[in-house]
PDB file of N, CA and C in Angstrom:
ATOM      1  N   MET A   1      91.698  88.231  93.823  1.00  0.00           N
ATOM      2  CA  MET A   1      92.163  87.248  93.126  1.00  0.00           C
ATOM      3  C   MET A   1      93.186  86.713  94.846  1.00  0.00           C
ATOM      4  N   ALA A   2      93.869  84.993  94.497  1.00  0.00           N
ATOM      5  CA  ALA A   2      94.317  84.794  96.754  1.00  0.00           C
ATOM      6  C   ALA A   2      95.757  84.805  95.663  1.00  0.00           C
ATOM      7  N   ALA A   3      96.713  85.438  96.555  1.00  0.00           N
ATOM      8  CA  ALA A   3      97.938  84.941  96.013  1.00  0.00           C
ATOM      9  C   ALA A   3      98.509  83.685  97.928  1.00  0.00           C
ATOM     10  N   VAL A   4      99.435  82.729  97.563  1.00  0.00           N
ATOM     11  CA  VAL A   4     100.004  82.046  98.120  1.00  0.00           C
ATOM     12  C   VAL A   4     101.457  82.753  98.211  1.00  0.00           C
ATOM     13  N   ILE A   5     102.107  82.917  99.479  1.00  0.00           N
ATOM     14  CA  ILE A   5     103.279  83.290  99.942  1.00  0.00           C
ATOM     15  C   ILE A   5     103.907  82.511 100.418  1.00  0.00           C
ATOM     16  N   ALA A   6     105.021  81.639 100.231  1.00  0.00           N
ATOM     17  CA  ALA A   6     105.309  80.655 101.888  1.00  0.00           C
ATOM     18  C   ALA A   6     107.264  80.539 101.578  1.00  0.00           C
ATOM     19  N   PHE A   7     107.628  81.131 102.819  1.00  0.00           N
ATOM     20  CA  PHE A   7     108.560  81.289 103.730  1.00  0.00           C
ATOM     21  C   PHE A   7     109.602  79.590 104.284  1.00  0.00           C
ATOM     22  N   ILE A   8     109.870  78.821 103.379  1.00  0.00           N
ATOM     23  CA  ILE A   8     110.382  77.818 103.013  1.00  0.00           C
ATOM     24  C   ILE A   8     111.648  77.711 103.322  1.00  0.00           C
ATOM     25  N   SER A   9     112.183  76.339 104.251  1.00  0.00           N
ATOM     26  CA  SER A   9     113.438  76.767 105.070  1.00  0.00           C
ATOM     27  C   SER A   9     113.359  74.967 105.259  1.00  0.00           C
ATOM     28  N   GLN A  10     114.356  74.126 105.289  1.00  0.00           N
ATOM     29  CA  GLN A  10     114.478  73.286 106.515  1.00  0.00           C
ATOM     30  C   GLN A  10     115.205  73.297 107.774  1.00  0.00           C
ATOM     31  N   LYS A  11     116.090  74.496 107.646  1.00  0.00           N
ATOM     32  CA  LYS A  11     116.946  74.976 109.313  1.00  0.00           C
ATOM     33  C   LYS A  11     115.931  75.828 109.640  1.00  0.00           C
ATOM     34  N   GLY A  12     115.898  75.635 110.677  1.00  0.00           N
ATOM     35  CA  GLY A  12     115.165  76.494 111.753  1.00  0.00           C
ATOM     36  C   GLY A  12     115.805  77.178 111.924  1.00  0.00           C
ATOM     37  N   GLY A  13     115.435  78.167 112.600  1.00  0.00           N
ATOM     38  CA  GLY A  13     115.850  79.963 112.921  1.00  0.00           C
ATOM     39  C   GLY A  13     116.909  80.771 112.126  1.00  0.00           C
ATOM     40  N   VAL A  14     115.749  80.315 111.035  1.00  0.00           N
ATOM     41  CA  VAL A  14     116.140  81.449 109.925  1.00  0.00           C
ATOM     42  C   VAL A  14     115.311  82.681 109.315  1.00  0.00           C
ATOM     43  N   GLY A  15     113.891  82.759 110.197  1.00  0.00           N
ATOM     44  CA  GLY A  15     113.436  83.598 110.292  1.00  0.00           C
ATOM     45  C   GLY A  15     112.035  83.591 109.471  1.00  0.00           C
ATOM     46  N   LYS A  16     111.365  82.507 109.339  1.00  0.00           N
ATOM     47  CA  LYS A  16     109.992  82.448 109.292  1.00  0.00           C
ATOM     48  C   LYS A  16     109.291  82.923 109.410  1.00  0.00           C
ATOM     49  N   SER A  17     108.954  82.305 110.890  1.00  0.00           N
ATOM     50  CA  SER A  17     107.836  82.458 110.898  1.00  0.00           C
ATOM     51  C   SER A  17     107.947  84.570 111.190  1.00  0.00           C
ATOM     52  N   THR A  18     108.867  84.103 112.004  1.00  0.00           N
ATOM     53  CA  THR A  18     109.149  86.705 111.847  1.00  0.00           C
ATOM     54  C   THR A  18     108.682  87.120 111.009  1.00  0.00           C
ATOM     55  N   LEU A  19     109.124  86.524 109.055  1.00  0.00           N
ATOM     56  CA  LEU A  19     108.659  87.057 107.871  1.00  0.00           C
ATOM     57  C   LEU A  19     107.164  87.009 107.925  1.00  0.00           C
ATOM     58  N   ALA A  20     106.641  85.763 107.663  1.00  0.00           N
ATOM     59  CA  ALA A  20     105.407  85.590 107.441  1.00  0.00           C
ATOM     60  C   ALA A  20     104.295  86.416 108.415  1.00  0.00           C
ATOM     61  N   ARG A  21     104.946  86.426 109.926  1.00  0.00           N
ATOM     62  CA  ARG A  21     103.641  87.595 110.695  1.00  0.00           C
ATOM     63  C   ARG A  21     104.390  89.070 110.356  1.00  0.00           C
ATOM     64  N   ALA A  22     105.600  88.890 110.389  1.00  0.00           N
ATOM     65  CA  ALA A  22     105.778  90.827 109.921  1.00  0.00           C
ATOM     66  C   ALA A  22     104.795  91.115 108.749  1.00  0.00           C
ATOM     67  N   LEU A  23     104.985  90.490 107.220  1.00  0.00           N
ATOM     68  CA  LEU A  23     103.853  90.369 105.933  1.00  0.00           C
ATOM     69  C   LEU A  23     102.455  90.005 106.103  1.00  0.00           C
ATOM     70  N   ALA A  24     102.116  89.437 107.147  1.00  0.00           N
ATOM     71  CA  ALA A  24     100.579  89.162 107.640  1.00  0.00           C
ATOM     72  C   ALA A  24     100.264  90.138 108.149  1.00  0.00           C
ATOM     73  N   ALA A  25     101.201  91.081 108.305  1.00  0.00           N
ATOM     74  CA  ALA A  25     100.244  92.451 110.036  1.00  0.00           C
ATOM     75  C   ALA A  25     100.761  93.083 108.104  1.00  0.00           C
ATOM     76  N   VAL A  26     101.196  93.405 107.931  1.00  0.00           N
ATOM     77  CA  VAL A  26     101.707  94.963 107.002  1.00  0.00           C
ATOM     78  C   VAL A  26      99.936  94.715 105.880  1.00  0.00           C
ATOM     79  N   CYS A  27     100.109  93.558 105.711  1.00  0.00           N
ATOM     80  CA  CYS A  27      98.773  93.281 104.283  1.00  0.00           C
ATOM     81  C   CYS A  27      97.502  93.632 104.813  1.00  0.00           C
ATOM     82  N   ALA A  28      97.522  92.770 106.071  1.00  0.00           N
ATOM     83  CA  ALA A  28      96.015  93.538 106.819  1.00  0.00           C
ATOM     84  C   ALA A  28      96.418  94.708 107.073  1.00  0.00           C
ATOM     85  N   GLN A  29      97.198  94.990 107.614  1.00  0.00           N
ATOM     86  CA  GLN A  29      96.618  96.811 107.464  1.00  0.00           C
ATOM     87  C   GLN A  29      96.382  97.484 106.476  1.00  0.00           C
ATOM     88  N   ALA A  30      96.745  97.053 105.799  1.00  0.00           N
ATOM     89  CA  ALA A  30      96.243  97.175 104.122  1.00  0.00           C
ATOM     90  C   ALA A  30      95.632  97.131 103.961  1.00  0.00           C
ATOM     91  N   GLY A  31      94.316  96.723 104.384  1.00  0.00           N
ATOM     92  CA  GLY A  31      93.101  96.247 104.197  1.00  0.00           C
ATOM     93  C   GLY A  31      92.741  94.801 103.549  1.00  0.00           C
ATOM     94  N   LEU A  32      93.527  94.108 103.683  1.00  0.00           N
ATOM     95  CA  LEU A  32      93.811  93.095 102.817  1.00  0.00           C
ATOM     96  C   LEU A  32      93.160  91.543 103.732  1.00  0.00           C
ATOM     97  N   GLU A  33      92.668  90.725 103.097  1.00  0.00           N
ATOM     98  CA  GLU A  33      91.896  89.257 104.021  1.00  0.00           C
ATOM     99  C   GLU A  33      93.575  88.579 104.537  1.00  0.00           C
ATOM    100  N   VAL A  34      93.457  88.083 105.155  1.00  0.00           N
ATOM    101  CA  VAL A  34      95.107  87.460 105.807  1.00  0.00           C
ATOM    102  C   VAL A  34      95.094  86.027 106.400  1.00  0.00           C
ATOM    103  N   VAL A  35      95.042  84.837 106.193  1.00  0.00           N
ATOM    104  CA  VAL A  35      95.624  83.779 107.098  1.00  0.00           C
ATOM    105  C   VAL A  35      96.215  83.017 106.937  1.00  0.00           C
ATOM    106  N   LEU A  36      96.950  83.307 107.386  1.00  0.00           N
ATOM    107  CA  LEU A  36      97.856  82.466 108.080  1.00  0.00           C
ATOM    108  C   LEU A  36      98.285  80.784 108.171  1.00  0.00           C
ATOM    109  N   ALA A  37      99.273  79.985 107.544  1.00  0.00           N
ATOM    110  CA  ALA A  37      98.985  78.760 107.879  1.00  0.00           C
ATOM    111  C   ALA A  37     100.574  77.563 108.620  1.00  0.00           C
ATOM    112  N   ASP A  38      99.442  78.055 110.411  1.00  0.00           N
ATOM    113  CA  ASP A  38     101.420  77.173 110.959  1.00  0.00           C
ATOM    114  C   ASP A  38     101.396  75.839 110.475  1.00  0.00           C
ATOM    115  N   LEU A  39     102.823  75.162 110.025  1.00  0.00           N
ATOM    116  CA  LEU A  39     102.922  73.587 109.375  1.00  0.00           C
ATOM    117  C   LEU A  39     104.043  73.162 110.558  1.00  0.00           C
ATOM    118  N   ASP A  40     104.051  73.953 111.898  1.00  0.00           N
ATOM    119  CA  ASP A  40     104.853  72.617 112.601  1.00  0.00           C
ATOM    120  C   ASP A  40     103.938  73.075 113.630  1.00  0.00           C
ATOM    121  N   PRO A  41     103.252  71.465 114.015  1.00  0.00           N
ATOM    122  CA  PRO A  41     101.835  71.456 114.825  1.00  0.00           C
ATOM    123  C   PRO A  41     102.863  70.964 116.019  1.00  0.00           C
ATOM    124  N   ARG A  42     103.989  70.357 116.182  1.00  0.00           N
ATOM    125  CA  ARG A  42     104.516  71.152 117.515  1.00  0.00           C
ATOM    126  C   ARG A  42     105.522  72.091 118.017  1.00  0.00           C
ATOM    127  N   GLN A  43     106.004  72.970 117.993  1.00  0.00           N
ATOM    128  CA  GLN A  43     105.833  74.610 117.990  1.00  0.00           C
ATOM    129  C   GLN A  43     104.761  75.466 117.923  1.00  0.00           C
ATOM    130  N   GLN A  44     103.775  75.709 116.614  1.00  0.00           N
ATOM    131  CA  GLN A  44     103.097  76.400 117.317  1.00  0.00           C
ATOM    132  C   GLN A  44     103.384  77.880 116.584  1.00  0.00           C
ATOM    133  N   THR A  45     104.593  78.223 116.393  1.00  0.00           N
ATOM    134  CA  THR A  45     105.078  79.249 117.150  1.00  0.00           C
ATOM    135  C   THR A  45     103.939  80.629 116.295  1.00  0.00           C
ATOM    136  N   LEU A  46     103.100  80.177 115.138  1.00  0.00           N
ATOM    137  CA  LEU A  46     102.704  80.908 114.526  1.00  0.00           C
ATOM    138  C   LEU A  46     100.451  81.496 115.505  1.00  0.00           C
ATOM    139  N   VAL A  47     100.803  79.892 115.815  1.00  0.00           N
ATOM    140  CA  VAL A  47      99.254  79.996 117.365  1.00  0.00           C
ATOM    141  C   VAL A  47      99.471  80.985 118.138  1.00  0.00           C
ATOM    142  N   HIS A  48     100.739  80.789 118.845  1.00  0.00           N
ATOM    143  CA  HIS A  48     100.863  81.601 119.521  1.00  0.00           C
ATOM    144  C   HIS A  48     100.963  83.375 120.261  1.00  0.00           C
ATOM    145  N   TRP A  49     101.344  83.784 118.762  1.00  0.00           N
ATOM    146  CA  TRP A  49     101.352  84.290 117.958  1.00  0.00           C
ATOM    147  C   TRP A  49      99.949  85.253 118.206  1.00  0.00           C
ATOM    148  N   GLN A  50      99.365  83.962 117.647  1.00  0.00           N
ATOM    149  CA  GLN A  50      97.679  85.173 117.181  1.00  0.00           C
ATOM    150  C   GLN A  50      97.346  84.804 118.340  1.00  0.00           C
ATOM    151  N   LYS A  51      97.409  83.984 119.450  1.00  0.00           N
ATOM    152  CA  LYS A  51      96.659  84.478 120.560  1.00  0.00           C
ATOM    153  C   LYS A  51      97.273  85.532 121.650  1.00  0.00           C
ATOM    154  N   ALA A  52      98.394  85.863 121.205  1.00  0.00           N
ATOM    155  CA  ALA A  52      99.116  86.705 122.263  1.00  0.00           C
ATOM    156  C   ALA A  52      98.402  88.068 121.534  1.00  0.00           C
ATOM    157  N   ARG A  53      97.913  87.907 120.598  1.00  0.00           N
ATOM    158  CA  ARG A  53      98.016  89.578 119.730  1.00  0.00           C
ATOM    159  C   ARG A  53      96.244  89.196 119.977  1.00  0.00           C
ATOM    160  N   THR A  54      95.471  88.210 119.929  1.00  0.00           N
ATOM    161  CA  THR A  54      93.818  88.184 120.361  1.00  0.00           C
ATOM    162  C   THR A  54      94.011  88.835 121.630  1.00  0.00           C
ATOM    163  N   ALA A  55      94.635  88.404 123.206  1.00  0.00           N
ATOM    164  CA  ALA A  55      94.630  89.067 124.666  1.00  0.00           C
ATOM    165  C   ALA A  55      95.001  90.122 124.211  1.00  0.00           C
ATOM    166  N   GLN A  56      95.746  90.766 123.614  1.00  0.00           N
ATOM    167  CA  GLN A  56      96.157  91.950 123.196  1.00  0.00           C
ATOM    168  C   GLN A  56      95.184  92.769 123.036  1.00  0.00           C
ATOM    169  N   ARG A  57      94.485  92.281 122.442  1.00  0.00           N
ATOM    170  CA  ARG A  57      93.517  93.273 121.356  1.00  0.00           C
ATOM    171  C   ARG A  57      94.373  94.176 120.799  1.00  0.00           C
ATOM    172  N   VAL A  58      94.940  93.593 119.793  1.00  0.00           N
ATOM    173  CA  VAL A  58      96.180  93.946 118.384  1.00  0.00           C
ATOM    174  C   VAL A  58      95.040  93.909 116.956  1.00  0.00           C
ATOM    175  N   SER A  59      94.903  95.179 117.092  1.00  0.00           N
ATOM    176  CA  SER A  59      94.069  95.452 114.963  1.00  0.00           C
ATOM    177  C   SER A  59      95.462  95.432 114.327  1.00  0.00           C
ATOM    178  N   PRO A  60      94.621  94.856 112.659  1.00  0.00           N
ATOM    179  CA  PRO A  60      93.811  94.922 112.536  1.00  0.00           C
ATOM    180  C   PRO A  60      93.972  92.587 112.877  1.00  0.00           C
ATOM    181  N   ARG A  61      92.560  92.329 112.544  1.00  0.00           N
ATOM    182  CA  ARG A  61      92.940  90.633 113.233  1.00  0.00           C
ATOM    183  C   ARG A  61      93.267  89.438 112.136  1.00  0.00           C
ATOM    184  N   LEU A  62      93.688  88.647 112.222  1.00  0.00           N
ATOM    185  CA  LEU A  62      94.542  87.925 111.173  1.00  0.00           C
ATOM    186  C   LEU A  62      94.432  86.257 111.499  1.00  0.00           C
ATOM    187  N   SER A  63      93.974  85.584 110.932  1.00  0.00           N
ATOM    188  CA  SER A  63      93.244  84.068 110.746  1.00  0.00           C
ATOM    189  C   SER A  63      95.106  83.286 110.801  1.00  0.00           C
ATOM    190  N   VAL A  64      94.816  82.434 111.823  1.00  0.00           N
ATOM    191  CA  VAL A  64      95.981  81.872 111.744  1.00  0.00           C
ATOM    192  C   VAL A  64      95.116  79.786 112.161  1.00  0.00           C
ATOM    193  N   GLU A  65      95.968  79.439 110.829  1.00  0.00           N
ATOM    194  CA  GLU A  65      94.883  77.946 110.663  1.00  0.00           C
ATOM    195  C   GLU A  65      96.838  77.056 110.914  1.00  0.00           C
ATOM    196  N   LEU A  66      96.027  76.124 111.649  1.00  0.00           N
ATOM    197  CA  LEU A  66      97.678  74.923 112.084  1.00  0.00           C
ATOM    198  C   LEU A  66      96.967  73.702 111.206  1.00  0.00           C
ATOM    199  N   HIS A  67      97.600  73.626 110.333  1.00  0.00           N
ATOM    200  CA  HIS A  67      97.773  72.159 109.636  1.00  0.00           C
ATOM    201  C   HIS A  67      98.981  71.299 109.665  1.00  0.00           C
TER     202      HIS A  67
END
Protein backbone atom coordinates (compact mmCIF):
# COMPACT_ATOMS: atom_id res chain seq x y z
CA MET A 1 0.00 0.00 0.00
CA ALA A 2 1.37 3.39 -0.97
CA ALA A 3 1.37 6.41 1.32
CA VAL A 4 1.83 10.06 0.46
CA ILE A 5 3.32 12.35 3.09
CA ALA A 6 3.55 16.05 2.32
CA PHE A 7 5.41 18.81 4.12
CA ILE A 8 3.70 22.02 3.00
CA SER A 9 4.11 25.67 3.91
CA GLN A 10 4.01 28.86 1.89
CA LYS A 11 6.84 30.25 3.98
CA GLY A 12 10.38 29.36 3.03
CA GLY A 13 13.01 28.21 5.49
CA VAL A 14 10.69 26.29 7.82
CA GLY A 15 12.38 22.91 7.29
CA LYS A 16 10.18 21.23 4.69
CA SER A 17 13.08 19.78 2.70
CA THR A 18 15.01 18.85 5.85
CA LEU A 19 12.04 16.92 7.23
CA ALA A 20 11.37 15.25 3.87
CA ARG A 21 15.01 14.14 3.54
CA ALA A 22 15.14 12.80 7.09
CA LEU A 23 11.90 10.84 6.78
CA ALA A 24 12.87 9.50 3.35
CA ALA A 25 16.25 8.28 4.60
CA VAL A 26 14.71 6.54 7.63
CA CYS A 27 12.00 4.90 5.54
CA ALA A 28 14.49 3.72 2.91
CA GLN A 29 16.78 2.35 5.63
CA ALA A 30 13.77 0.39 6.93
CA GLY A 31 13.44 -1.21 3.50
CA LEU A 32 10.56 0.83 2.11
CA GLU A 33 10.58 2.06 -1.47
CA VAL A 34 10.87 5.85 -1.35
CA VAL A 35 10.23 8.45 -4.03
CA LEU A 36 10.67 12.13 -3.18
CA ALA A 37 8.99 14.80 -5.29
CA ASP A 38 10.84 18.12 -5.45
CA LEU A 39 8.18 20.70 -6.22
CA ASP A 40 10.48 23.72 -6.39
CA PRO A 41 11.98 23.68 -9.90
CA ARG A 42 14.03 26.82 -9.25
CA GLN A 43 15.78 25.77 -6.05
CA GLN A 44 15.85 21.96 -6.52
CA THR A 45 16.96 21.28 -2.93
CA LEU A 46 16.08 17.59 -2.99
CA VAL A 47 17.57 17.06 -6.44
CA HIS A 48 20.91 18.50 -5.30
CA TRP A 49 20.77 16.41 -2.12
CA GLN A 50 20.23 13.23 -4.14
CA LYS A 51 23.14 14.09 -6.45
CA ALA A 52 25.42 14.54 -3.42
CA ARG A 53 24.24 11.21 -1.96
CA THR A 54 24.88 9.45 -5.26
CA ALA A 55 28.35 10.99 -5.64
CA GLN A 56 29.25 9.90 -2.11
CA ARG A 57 27.68 6.46 -2.64
CA VAL A 58 25.38 6.83 0.34
CA SER A 59 22.93 3.99 0.72
CA PRO A 60 20.16 3.13 0.61
CA ARG A 61 19.41 4.74 -2.73
CA LEU A 62 16.46 7.08 -3.02
CA SER A 63 14.55 8.33 -6.00
CA VAL A 64 13.96 12.08 -6.37
CA GLU A 65 11.74 13.42 -9.13
CA LEU A 66 11.52 17.07 -10.11
CA HIS A 67 7.96 18.25 -10.69
